[in-house]
């Protein structure tokens, strides 16, 4: 069995963050963009946990609990906004939601 290293955790975190960033840049569906933003949040959380584990402290783990509670609230508010936009415009494509004056 290969031992887990800090470098491997950070590479995984960077790959997940890059995938999320590319998804935000390239996709046009608001739900997919929202999922990619959540993927970026999970990648940063993974990096915090890795640093905390390999430094032998619990500081990163404490931050993770705060991040998870904020993410839960973010999901509720974000999905409510997406549902409200869908009900008003009958679409979730970003290109068609560019004007908020109507």
PDB file of N, CA and C in Angstrom:
ATOM      1  N   UNK A   1       0.846  -1.176   0.000  1.00  0.00           N
ATOM      2  CA  UNK A   1       0.000   0.000   0.000  1.00  0.00           C
ATOM      3  C   UNK A   1       0.893   1.242   0.000  1.00  0.00           C
ATOM      4  N   UNK A   2       0.564   2.190  -0.854  1.00  0.00           N
ATOM      5  CA  UNK A   2       1.351   3.415  -0.972  1.00  0.00           C
ATOM      6  C   UNK A   2       0.928   4.383   0.124  1.00  0.00           C
ATOM      7  N   UNK A   3       1.888   4.935   0.874  1.00  0.00           N
ATOM      8  CA  UNK A   3       1.511   5.878   1.933  1.00  0.00           C
ATOM      9  C   UNK A   3       1.017   7.205   1.343  1.00  0.00           C
ATOM     10  N   UNK A   4       0.062   7.799   2.016  1.00  0.00           N
ATOM     11  CA  UNK A   4      -0.504   9.069   1.594  1.00  0.00           C
ATOM     12  C   UNK A   4       0.457  10.196   1.967  1.00  0.00           C
ATOM     13  N   UNK A   5       0.771  11.047   1.025  1.00  0.00           N
ATOM     14  CA  UNK A   5       1.686  12.159   1.288  1.00  0.00           C
ATOM     15  C   UNK A   5       0.944  13.479   1.130  1.00  0.00           C
ATOM     16  N   UNK A   6       1.546  14.526   1.677  1.00  0.00           N
ATOM     17  CA  UNK A   6       0.971  15.862   1.547  1.00  0.00           C
ATOM     18  C   UNK A   6       0.941  16.280   0.086  1.00  0.00           C
ATOM     19  N   UNK A   7       1.986  15.934  -0.635  1.00  0.00           N
ATOM     20  CA  UNK A   7       2.044  16.294  -2.050  1.00  0.00           C
ATOM     21  C   UNK A   7       0.895  15.660  -2.835  1.00  0.00           C
ATOM     22  N   UNK A   8       0.589  14.411  -2.566  1.00  0.00           N
ATOM     23  CA  UNK A   8      -0.510  13.738  -3.267  1.00  0.00           C
ATOM     24  C   UNK A   8      -1.849  14.400  -2.952  1.00  0.00           C
ATOM     25  N   UNK A   9      -2.055  14.769  -1.703  1.00  0.00           N
ATOM     26  CA  UNK A   9      -3.306  15.446  -1.326  1.00  0.00           C
ATOM     27  C   UNK A   9      -3.435  16.801  -2.001  1.00  0.00           C
ATOM     28  N   UNK A  10      -2.331  17.543  -2.051  1.00  0.00           N
ATOM     29  CA  UNK A  10      -2.379  18.862  -2.672  1.00  0.00           C
ATOM     30  C   UNK A  10      -2.540  18.778  -4.181  1.00  0.00           C
ATOM     31  N   UNK A  11      -1.960  17.755  -4.797  1.00  0.00           N
ATOM     32  CA  UNK A  11      -2.150  17.572  -6.237  1.00  0.00           C
ATOM     33  C   UNK A  11      -3.618  17.236  -6.524  1.00  0.00           C
ATOM     34  N   UNK A  12      -4.200  16.356  -5.726  1.00  0.00           N
ATOM     35  CA  UNK A  12      -5.615  16.029  -5.893  1.00  0.00           C
ATOM     36  C   UNK A  12      -6.487  17.262  -5.693  1.00  0.00           C
ATOM     37  N   UNK A  13      -6.171  18.052  -4.671  1.00  0.00           N
ATOM     38  CA  UNK A  13      -6.916  19.282  -4.422  1.00  0.00           C
ATOM     39  C   UNK A  13      -6.789  20.252  -5.591  1.00  0.00           C
ATOM     40  N   UNK A  14      -5.592  20.391  -6.140  1.00  0.00           N
ATOM     41  CA  UNK A  14      -5.380  21.298  -7.274  1.00  0.00           C
ATOM     42  C   UNK A  14      -6.124  20.816  -8.514  1.00  0.00           C
ATOM     43  N   UNK A  15      -6.140  19.510  -8.744  1.00  0.00           N
ATOM     44  CA  UNK A  15      -6.860  18.959  -9.902  1.00  0.00           C
ATOM     45  C   UNK A  15      -8.364  19.198  -9.756  1.00  0.00           C
ATOM     46  N   UNK A  16      -8.903  18.950  -8.569  1.00  0.00           N
ATOM     47  CA  UNK A  16     -10.328  19.188  -8.338  1.00  0.00           C
ATOM     48  C   UNK A  16     -10.677  20.663  -8.500  1.00  0.00           C
ATOM     49  N   UNK A  17      -9.809  21.532  -7.978  1.00  0.00           N
ATOM     50  CA  UNK A  17     -10.059  22.969  -8.103  1.00  0.00           C
ATOM     51  C   UNK A  17     -10.004  23.403  -9.570  1.00  0.00           C
ATOM     52  N   UNK A  18      -9.038  22.877 -10.314  1.00  0.00           N
ATOM     53  CA  UNK A  18      -8.913  23.222 -11.733  1.00  0.00           C
ATOM     54  C   UNK A  18     -10.124  22.726 -12.526  1.00  0.00           C
ATOM     55  N   UNK A  19     -10.604  21.525 -12.222  1.00  0.00           N
ATOM     56  CA  UNK A  19     -11.807  21.013 -12.896  1.00  0.00           C
ATOM     57  C   UNK A  19     -13.025  21.895 -12.602  1.00  0.00           C
ATOM     58  N   UNK A  20     -13.148  22.295 -11.360  1.00  0.00           N
ATOM     59  CA  UNK A  20     -14.251  23.184 -11.005  1.00  0.00           C
ATOM     60  C   UNK A  20     -14.134  24.532 -11.686  1.00  0.00           C
ATOM     61  N   UNK A  21     -12.928  25.075 -11.751  1.00  0.00           N
ATOM     62  CA  UNK A  21     -12.709  26.374 -12.391  1.00  0.00           C
ATOM     63  C   UNK A  21     -13.013  26.306 -13.883  1.00  0.00           C
ATOM     64  N   UNK A  22     -12.544  25.244 -14.522  1.00  0.00           N
ATOM     65  CA  UNK A  22     -12.840  25.076 -15.947  1.00  0.00           C
ATOM     66  C   UNK A  22     -14.340  24.891 -16.187  1.00  0.00           C
ATOM     67  N   UNK A  23     -14.994  24.195 -15.300  1.00  0.00           N
ATOM     68  CA  UNK A  23     -16.436  24.032 -15.421  1.00  0.00           C
ATOM     69  C   UNK A  23     -17.176  25.353 -15.313  1.00  0.00           C
ATOM     70  N   UNK A  24     -16.730  26.217 -14.413  1.00  0.00           N
ATOM     71  CA  UNK A  24     -17.353  27.531 -14.279  1.00  0.00           C
ATOM     72  C   UNK A  24     -17.132  28.357 -15.533  1.00  0.00           C
ATOM     73  N   UNK A  25     -15.934  28.272 -16.093  1.00  0.00           N
ATOM     74  CA  UNK A  25     -15.632  29.063 -17.287  1.00  0.00           C
ATOM     75  C   UNK A  25     -16.314  28.548 -18.546  1.00  0.00           C
ATOM     76  N   UNK A  26     -16.447  27.242 -18.689  1.00  0.00           N
ATOM     77  CA  UNK A  26     -16.894  26.677 -19.955  1.00  0.00           C
ATOM     78  C   UNK A  26     -18.379  26.342 -20.020  1.00  0.00           C
ATOM     79  N   UNK A  27     -19.026  26.108 -18.926  1.00  0.00           N
ATOM     80  CA  UNK A  27     -20.425  25.672 -18.944  1.00  0.00           C
ATOM     81  C   UNK A  27     -21.367  26.865 -18.989  1.00  0.00           C
ATOM     82  N   UNK A  28     -22.565  26.633 -19.478  1.00  0.00           N
ATOM     83  CA  UNK A  28     -23.575  27.683 -19.586  1.00  0.00           C
ATOM     84  C   UNK A  28     -24.836  27.373 -18.793  1.00  0.00           C
ATOM     85  N   UNK A  29     -24.883  26.232 -18.146  1.00  0.00           N
ATOM     86  CA  UNK A  29     -26.031  25.837 -17.341  1.00  0.00           C
ATOM     87  C   UNK A  29     -25.775  26.273 -15.896  1.00  0.00           C
ATOM     88  N   UNK A  30     -26.715  26.987 -15.292  1.00  0.00           N
ATOM     89  CA  UNK A  30     -26.478  27.511 -13.950  1.00  0.00           C
ATOM     90  C   UNK A  30     -26.321  26.407 -12.907  1.00  0.00           C
ATOM     91  N   UNK A  31     -27.026  25.299 -13.069  1.00  0.00           N
ATOM     92  CA  UNK A  31     -26.868  24.204 -12.100  1.00  0.00           C
ATOM     93  C   UNK A  31     -25.477  23.580 -12.179  1.00  0.00           C
ATOM     94  N   UNK A  32     -24.965  23.417 -13.382  1.00  0.00           N
ATOM     95  CA  UNK A  32     -23.620  22.848 -13.543  1.00  0.00           C
ATOM     96  C   UNK A  32     -22.572  23.828 -13.019  1.00  0.00           C
ATOM     97  N   UNK A  33     -22.759  25.106 -13.280  1.00  0.00           N
ATOM     98  CA  UNK A  33     -21.832  26.116 -12.747  1.00  0.00           C
ATOM     99  C   UNK A  33     -21.856  26.083 -11.224  1.00  0.00           C
ATOM    100  N   UNK A  34     -23.025  25.953 -10.663  1.00  0.00           N
ATOM    101  CA  UNK A  34     -23.150  25.889  -9.208  1.00  0.00           C
ATOM    102  C   UNK A  34     -22.451  24.649  -8.636  1.00  0.00           C
ATOM    103  N   UNK A  35     -22.596  23.514  -9.314  1.00  0.00           N
ATOM    104  CA  UNK A  35     -21.906  22.305  -8.865  1.00  0.00           C
ATOM    105  C   UNK A  35     -20.393  22.462  -8.983  1.00  0.00           C
ATOM    106  N   UNK A  36     -19.933  23.135 -10.010  1.00  0.00           N
ATOM    107  CA  UNK A  36     -18.490  23.367 -10.163  1.00  0.00           C
ATOM    108  C   UNK A  36     -17.961  24.291  -9.069  1.00  0.00           C
ATOM    109  N   UNK A  37     -18.754  25.286  -8.680  1.00  0.00           N
ATOM    110  CA  UNK A  37     -18.355  26.135  -7.557  1.00  0.00           C
ATOM    111  C   UNK A  37     -18.246  25.322  -6.269  1.00  0.00           C
ATOM    112  N   UNK A  38     -19.172  24.409  -6.071  1.00  0.00           N
ATOM    113  CA  UNK A  38     -19.108  23.542  -4.900  1.00  0.00           C
ATOM    114  C   UNK A  38     -17.887  22.622  -4.955  1.00  0.00           C
ATOM    115  N   UNK A  39     -17.531  22.168  -6.141  1.00  0.00           N
ATOM    116  CA  UNK A  39     -16.333  21.344  -6.307  1.00  0.00           C
ATOM    117  C   UNK A  39     -15.083  22.134  -5.927  1.00  0.00           C
ATOM    118  N   UNK A  40     -15.048  23.401  -6.291  1.00  0.00           N
ATOM    119  CA  UNK A  40     -13.915  24.250  -5.907  1.00  0.00           C
ATOM    120  C   UNK A  40     -13.855  24.421  -4.387  1.00  0.00           C
ATOM    121  N   UNK A  41     -15.006  24.550  -3.754  1.00  0.00           N
ATOM    122  CA  UNK A  41     -15.052  24.670  -2.298  1.00  0.00           C
ATOM    123  C   UNK A  41     -14.559  23.392  -1.626  1.00  0.00           C
ATOM    124  N   UNK A  42     -14.941  22.246  -2.162  1.00  0.00           N
ATOM    125  CA  UNK A  42     -14.489  20.962  -1.614  1.00  0.00           C
ATOM    126  C   UNK A  42     -12.978  20.800  -1.801  1.00  0.00           C
ATOM    127  N   UNK A  43     -12.449  21.265  -2.922  1.00  0.00           N
ATOM    128  CA  UNK A  43     -11.008  21.168  -3.163  1.00  0.00           C
ATOM    129  C   UNK A  43     -10.229  21.998  -2.147  1.00  0.00           C
ATOM    130  N   UNK A  44     -10.706  23.185  -1.851  1.00  0.00           N
ATOM    131  CA  UNK A  44     -10.006  24.005  -0.853  1.00  0.00           C
ATOM    132  C   UNK A  44     -10.135  23.393   0.544  1.00  0.00           C
ATOM    133  N   UNK A  45     -11.269  22.777   0.815  1.00  0.00           N
ATOM    134  CA  UNK A  45     -11.448  22.094   2.098  1.00  0.00           C
ATOM    135  C   UNK A  45     -10.505  20.902   2.228  1.00  0.00           C
ATOM    136  N   UNK A  46     -10.330  20.172   1.140  1.00  0.00           N
ATOM    137  CA  UNK A  46      -9.389  19.052   1.140  1.00  0.00           C
ATOM    138  C   UNK A  46      -7.967  19.523   1.430  1.00  0.00           C
ATOM    139  N   UNK A  47      -7.571  20.646   0.864  1.00  0.00           N
ATOM    140  CA  UNK A  47      -6.240  21.183   1.130  1.00  0.00           C
ATOM    141  C   UNK A  47      -6.091  21.569   2.600  1.00  0.00           C
ATOM    142  N   UNK A  48      -7.123  22.169   3.178  1.00  0.00           N
ATOM    143  CA  UNK A  48      -7.066  22.520   4.601  1.00  0.00           C
ATOM    144  C   UNK A  48      -6.923  21.277   5.481  1.00  0.00           C
ATOM    145  N   UNK A  49      -7.670  20.246   5.174  1.00  0.00           N
ATOM    146  CA  UNK A  49      -7.592  19.012   5.955  1.00  0.00           C
ATOM    147  C   UNK A  49      -6.222  18.361   5.803  1.00  0.00           C
ATOM    148  N   UNK A  50      -5.674  18.389   4.601  1.00  0.00           N
ATOM    149  CA  UNK A  50      -4.351  17.798   4.371  1.00  0.00           C
ATOM    150  C   UNK A  50      -3.285  18.544   5.161  1.00  0.00           C
ATOM    151  N   UNK A  51      -3.313  19.869   5.113  1.00  0.00           N
ATOM    152  CA  UNK A  51      -2.337  20.645   5.884  1.00  0.00           C
ATOM    153  C   UNK A  51      -2.488  20.383   7.374  1.00  0.00           C
ATOM    154  N   UNK A  52      -3.725  20.308   7.840  1.00  0.00           N
ATOM    155  CA  UNK A  52      -3.970  20.052   9.250  1.00  0.00           C
ATOM    156  C   UNK A  52      -3.460  18.676   9.663  1.00  0.00           C
ATOM    157  N   UNK A  53      -3.704  17.675   8.827  1.00  0.00           N
ATOM    158  CA  UNK A  53      -3.284  16.315   9.148  1.00  0.00           C
ATOM    159  C   UNK A  53      -1.762  16.194   9.186  1.00  0.00           C
ATOM    160  N   UNK A  54      -1.101  16.760   8.207  1.00  0.00           N
ATOM    161  CA  UNK A  54       0.347  16.591   8.134  1.00  0.00           C
ATOM    162  C   UNK A  54       1.111  17.533   9.062  1.00  0.00           C
ATOM    163  N   UNK A  55       0.461  18.577   9.578  1.00  0.00           N
ATOM    164  CA  UNK A  55       1.092  19.415  10.592  1.00  0.00           C
ATOM    165  C   UNK A  55       0.809  18.917  11.996  1.00  0.00           C
ATOM    166  N   UNK A  56      -0.116  17.989  12.131  1.00  0.00           N
ATOM    167  CA  UNK A  56      -0.427  17.422  13.439  1.00  0.00           C
ATOM    168  C   UNK A  56      -1.286  18.322  14.305  1.00  0.00           C
ATOM    169  N   UNK A  57      -2.012  19.250  13.698  1.00  0.00           N
ATOM    170  CA  UNK A  57      -2.901  20.138  14.448  1.00  0.00           C
ATOM    171  C   UNK A  57      -4.341  19.883  14.044  1.00  0.00           C
ATOM    172  N   UNK A  58      -5.252  20.483  14.779  1.00  0.00           N
ATOM    173  CA  UNK A  58      -6.670  20.364  14.460  1.00  0.00           C
ATOM    174  C   UNK A  58      -7.247  21.661  13.903  1.00  0.00           C
ATOM    175  N   UNK A  59      -6.398  22.623  13.600  1.00  0.00           N
ATOM    176  CA  UNK A  59      -6.873  23.921  13.117  1.00  0.00           C
ATOM    177  C   UNK A  59      -7.645  23.789  11.811  1.00  0.00           C
ATOM    178  N   UNK A  60      -7.116  23.035  10.868  1.00  0.00           N
ATOM    179  CA  UNK A  60      -7.790  22.851   9.586  1.00  0.00           C
ATOM    180  C   UNK A  60      -9.115  22.137   9.738  1.00  0.00           C
ATOM    181  N   UNK A  61      -9.178  21.186  10.657  1.00  0.00           N
ATOM    182  CA  UNK A  61     -10.428  20.457  10.878  1.00  0.00           C
ATOM    183  C   UNK A  61     -11.516  21.363  11.446  1.00  0.00           C
ATOM    184  N   UNK A  62     -11.124  22.309  12.286  1.00  0.00           N
ATOM    185  CA  UNK A  62     -12.093  23.265  12.830  1.00  0.00           C
ATOM    186  C   UNK A  62     -12.625  24.147  11.714  1.00  0.00           C
ATOM    187  N   UNK A  63     -11.739  24.583  10.819  1.00  0.00           N
ATOM    188  CA  UNK A  63     -12.180  25.386   9.679  1.00  0.00           C
ATOM    189  C   UNK A  63     -13.143  24.601   8.789  1.00  0.00           C
ATOM    190  N   UNK A  64     -12.913  23.308   8.671  1.00  0.00           N
ATOM    191  CA  UNK A  64     -13.777  22.475   7.827  1.00  0.00           C
ATOM    192  C   UNK A  64     -15.209  22.477   8.362  1.00  0.00           C
ATOM    193  N   UNK A  65     -15.395  22.424   9.669  1.00  0.00           N
ATOM    194  CA  UNK A  65     -16.746  22.472  10.217  1.00  0.00           C
ATOM    195  C   UNK A  65     -17.433  23.785   9.876  1.00  0.00           C
ATOM    196  N   UNK A  66     -16.694  24.892   9.944  1.00  0.00           N
ATOM    197  CA  UNK A  66     -17.282  26.179   9.563  1.00  0.00           C
ATOM    198  C   UNK A  66     -17.601  26.213   8.070  1.00  0.00           C
ATOM    199  N   UNK A  67     -16.708  25.667   7.267  1.00  0.00           N
ATOM    200  CA  UNK A  67     -16.923  25.646   5.817  1.00  0.00           C
ATOM    201  C   UNK A  67     -18.154  24.812   5.482  1.00  0.00           C
ATOM    202  N   UNK A  68     -18.324  23.677   6.141  1.00  0.00           N
ATOM    203  CA  UNK A  68     -19.486  22.826   5.868  1.00  0.00           C
ATOM    204  C   UNK A  68     -20.795  23.494   6.256  1.00  0.00           C
ATOM    205  N   UNK A  69     -20.811  24.220   7.367  1.00  0.00           N
ATOM    206  CA  UNK A  69     -22.041  24.907   7.749  1.00  0.00           C
ATOM    207  C   UNK A  69     -22.354  26.049   6.785  1.00  0.00           C
ATOM    208  N   UNK A  70     -21.339  26.778   6.361  1.00  0.00           N
ATOM    209  CA  UNK A  70     -21.560  27.843   5.377  1.00  0.00           C
ATOM    210  C   UNK A  70     -21.989  27.246   4.041  1.00  0.00           C
ATOM    211  N   UNK A  71     -21.408  26.118   3.655  1.00  0.00           N
ATOM    212  CA  UNK A  71     -21.777  25.470   2.386  1.00  0.00           C
ATOM    213  C   UNK A  71     -23.220  24.991   2.413  1.00  0.00           C
ATOM    214  N   UNK A  72     -23.680  24.504   3.554  1.00  0.00           N
ATOM    215  CA  UNK A  72     -25.070  24.065   3.650  1.00  0.00           C
ATOM    216  C   UNK A  72     -26.023  25.244   3.463  1.00  0.00           C
ATOM    217  N   UNK A  73     -25.704  26.367   4.073  1.00  0.00           N
ATOM    218  CA  UNK A  73     -26.530  27.565   3.887  1.00  0.00           C
ATOM    219  C   UNK A  73     -26.437  28.070   2.452  1.00  0.00           C
ATOM    220  N   UNK A  74     -25.248  27.994   1.880  1.00  0.00           N
ATOM    221  CA  UNK A  74     -25.037  28.426   0.494  1.00  0.00           C
ATOM    222  C   UNK A  74     -25.873  27.588  -0.472  1.00  0.00           C
ATOM    223  N   UNK A  75     -25.940  26.309  -0.241  1.00  0.00           N
ATOM    224  CA  UNK A  75     -26.728  25.428  -1.108  1.00  0.00           C
ATOM    225  C   UNK A  75     -28.199  25.822  -1.049  1.00  0.00           C
ATOM    226  N   UNK A  76     -28.701  26.059   0.132  1.00  0.00           N
ATOM    227  CA  UNK A  76     -30.113  26.424   0.265  1.00  0.00           C
ATOM    228  C   UNK A  76     -30.413  27.741  -0.442  1.00  0.00           C
ATOM    229  N   UNK A  77     -29.578  28.744  -0.228  1.00  0.00           N
ATOM    230  CA  UNK A  77     -29.811  30.053  -0.844  1.00  0.00           C
ATOM    231  C   UNK A  77     -29.572  29.994  -2.349  1.00  0.00           C
ATOM    232  N   UNK A  78     -28.502  29.344  -2.769  1.00  0.00           N
ATOM    233  CA  UNK A  78     -28.180  29.259  -4.196  1.00  0.00           C
ATOM    234  C   UNK A  78     -29.243  28.540  -4.995  1.00  0.00           C
ATOM    235  N   UNK A  79     -29.708  27.425  -4.485  1.00  0.00           N
ATOM    236  CA  UNK A  79     -30.764  26.698  -5.197  1.00  0.00           C
ATOM    237  C   UNK A  79     -32.077  27.463  -5.199  1.00  0.00           C
ATOM    238  N   UNK A  80     -32.350  28.204  -4.142  1.00  0.00           N
ATOM    239  CA  UNK A  80     -33.560  29.037  -4.122  1.00  0.00           C
ATOM    240  C   UNK A  80     -33.484  30.129  -5.182  1.00  0.00           C
ATOM    241  N   UNK A  81     -32.314  30.717  -5.359  1.00  0.00           N
ATOM    242  CA  UNK A  81     -32.139  31.736  -6.393  1.00  0.00           C
ATOM    243  C   UNK A  81     -32.296  31.126  -7.780  1.00  0.00           C
ATOM    244  N   UNK A  82     -31.713  29.952  -7.985  1.00  0.00           N
ATOM    245  CA  UNK A  82     -31.823  29.294  -9.289  1.00  0.00           C
ATOM    246  C   UNK A  82     -33.279  28.931  -9.591  1.00  0.00           C
ATOM    247  N   UNK A  83     -34.009  28.442  -8.595  1.00  0.00           N
ATOM    248  CA  UNK A  83     -35.425  28.111  -8.798  1.00  0.00           C
ATOM    249  C   UNK A  83     -36.230  29.372  -9.096  1.00  0.00           C
ATOM    250  N   UNK A  84     -35.939  30.465  -8.392  1.00  0.00           N
ATOM    251  CA  UNK A  84     -36.656  31.717  -8.644  1.00  0.00           C
ATOM    252  C   UNK A  84     -36.371  32.233 -10.051  1.00  0.00           C
ATOM    253  N   UNK A  85     -35.126  32.149 -10.494  1.00  0.00           N
ATOM    254  CA  UNK A  85     -34.796  32.563 -11.861  1.00  0.00           C
ATOM    255  C   UNK A  85     -35.501  31.676 -12.891  1.00  0.00           C
ATOM    256  N   UNK A  86     -35.560  30.384 -12.620  1.00  0.00           N
ATOM    257  CA  UNK A  86     -36.229  29.483 -13.552  1.00  0.00           C
ATOM    258  C   UNK A  86     -37.731  29.788 -13.636  1.00  0.00           C
ATOM    259  N   UNK A  87     -38.330  30.074 -12.506  1.00  0.00           N
ATOM    260  CA  UNK A  87     -39.765  30.384 -12.523  1.00  0.00           C
ATOM    261  C   UNK A  87     -40.051  31.684 -13.264  1.00  0.00           C
ATOM    262  N   UNK A  88     -39.146  32.640 -13.166  1.00  0.00           N
ATOM    263  CA  UNK A  88     -39.362  33.934 -13.833  1.00  0.00           C
ATOM    264  C   UNK A  88     -39.039  33.873 -15.321  1.00  0.00           C
ATOM    265  N   UNK A  89     -37.924  33.217 -15.679  1.00  0.00           N
ATOM    266  CA  UNK A  89     -37.460  33.223 -17.070  1.00  0.00           C
ATOM    267  C   UNK A  89     -37.711  31.930 -17.823  1.00  0.00           C
ATOM    268  N   UNK A  90     -38.061  30.844 -17.149  1.00  0.00           N
ATOM    269  CA  UNK A  90     -38.298  29.528 -17.751  1.00  0.00           C
ATOM    270  C   UNK A  90     -37.069  28.970 -18.459  1.00  0.00           C
ATOM    271  N   UNK A  91     -35.891  29.290 -17.932  1.00  0.00           N
ATOM    272  CA  UNK A  91     -34.641  28.741 -18.445  1.00  0.00           C
ATOM    273  C   UNK A  91     -33.577  28.841 -17.352  1.00  0.00           C
ATOM    274  N   UNK A  92     -32.568  27.983 -17.477  1.00  0.00           N
ATOM    275  CA  UNK A  92     -31.436  28.064 -16.549  1.00  0.00           C
ATOM    276  C   UNK A  92     -30.125  28.251 -17.302  1.00  0.00           C
ATOM    277  N   UNK A  93     -30.222  28.632 -18.573  1.00  0.00           N
ATOM    278  CA  UNK A  93     -29.027  28.893 -19.369  1.00  0.00           C
ATOM    279  C   UNK A  93     -28.512  30.292 -19.048  1.00  0.00           C
ATOM    280  N   UNK A  94     -27.213  30.407 -18.804  1.00  0.00           N
ATOM    281  CA  UNK A  94     -26.614  31.674 -18.395  1.00  0.00           C
ATOM    282  C   UNK A  94     -26.740  32.717 -19.502  1.00  0.00           C
ATOM    283  N   UNK A  95     -26.622  32.312 -20.747  1.00  0.00           N
ATOM    284  CA  UNK A  95     -26.702  33.252 -21.863  1.00  0.00           C
ATOM    285  C   UNK A  95     -28.050  33.954 -21.927  1.00  0.00           C
ATOM    286  N   UNK A  96     -29.082  33.281 -21.500  1.00  0.00           N
ATOM    287  CA  UNK A  96     -30.429  33.850 -21.558  1.00  0.00           C
ATOM    288  C   UNK A  96     -30.807  34.577 -20.265  1.00  0.00           C
ATOM    289  N   UNK A  97     -29.963  34.510 -19.250  1.00  0.00           N
ATOM    290  CA  UNK A  97     -30.214  35.193 -17.977  1.00  0.00           C
ATOM    291  C   UNK A  97     -29.331  36.417 -17.810  1.00  0.00           C
ATOM    292  N   UNK A  98     -28.844  36.988 -18.889  1.00  0.00           N
ATOM    293  CA  UNK A  98     -27.866  38.070 -18.780  1.00  0.00           C
ATOM    294  C   UNK A  98     -28.484  39.397 -18.373  1.00  0.00           C
ATOM    295  N   UNK A  99     -29.767  39.545 -18.475  1.00  0.00           N
ATOM    296  CA  UNK A  99     -30.415  40.799 -18.124  1.00  0.00           C
ATOM    297  C   UNK A  99     -31.303  40.580 -16.905  1.00  0.00           C
ATOM    298  N   UNK A 100     -31.056  41.338 -15.851  1.00  0.00           N
ATOM    299  CA  UNK A 100     -31.855  41.199 -14.627  1.00  0.00           C
ATOM    300  C   UNK A 100     -32.897  42.300 -14.484  1.00  0.00           C
ATOM    301  N   UNK A 101     -33.087  43.138 -15.518  1.00  0.00           N
ATOM    302  CA  UNK A 101     -34.047  44.226 -15.379  1.00  0.00           C
ATOM    303  C   UNK A 101     -35.486  43.789 -15.613  1.00  0.00           C
ATOM    304  N   UNK A 102     -35.736  42.674 -16.250  1.00  0.00           N
ATOM    305  CA  UNK A 102     -37.116  42.241 -16.505  1.00  0.00           C
ATOM    306  C   UNK A 102     -37.665  41.441 -15.361  1.00  0.00           C
TER     307      UNK A 102
END
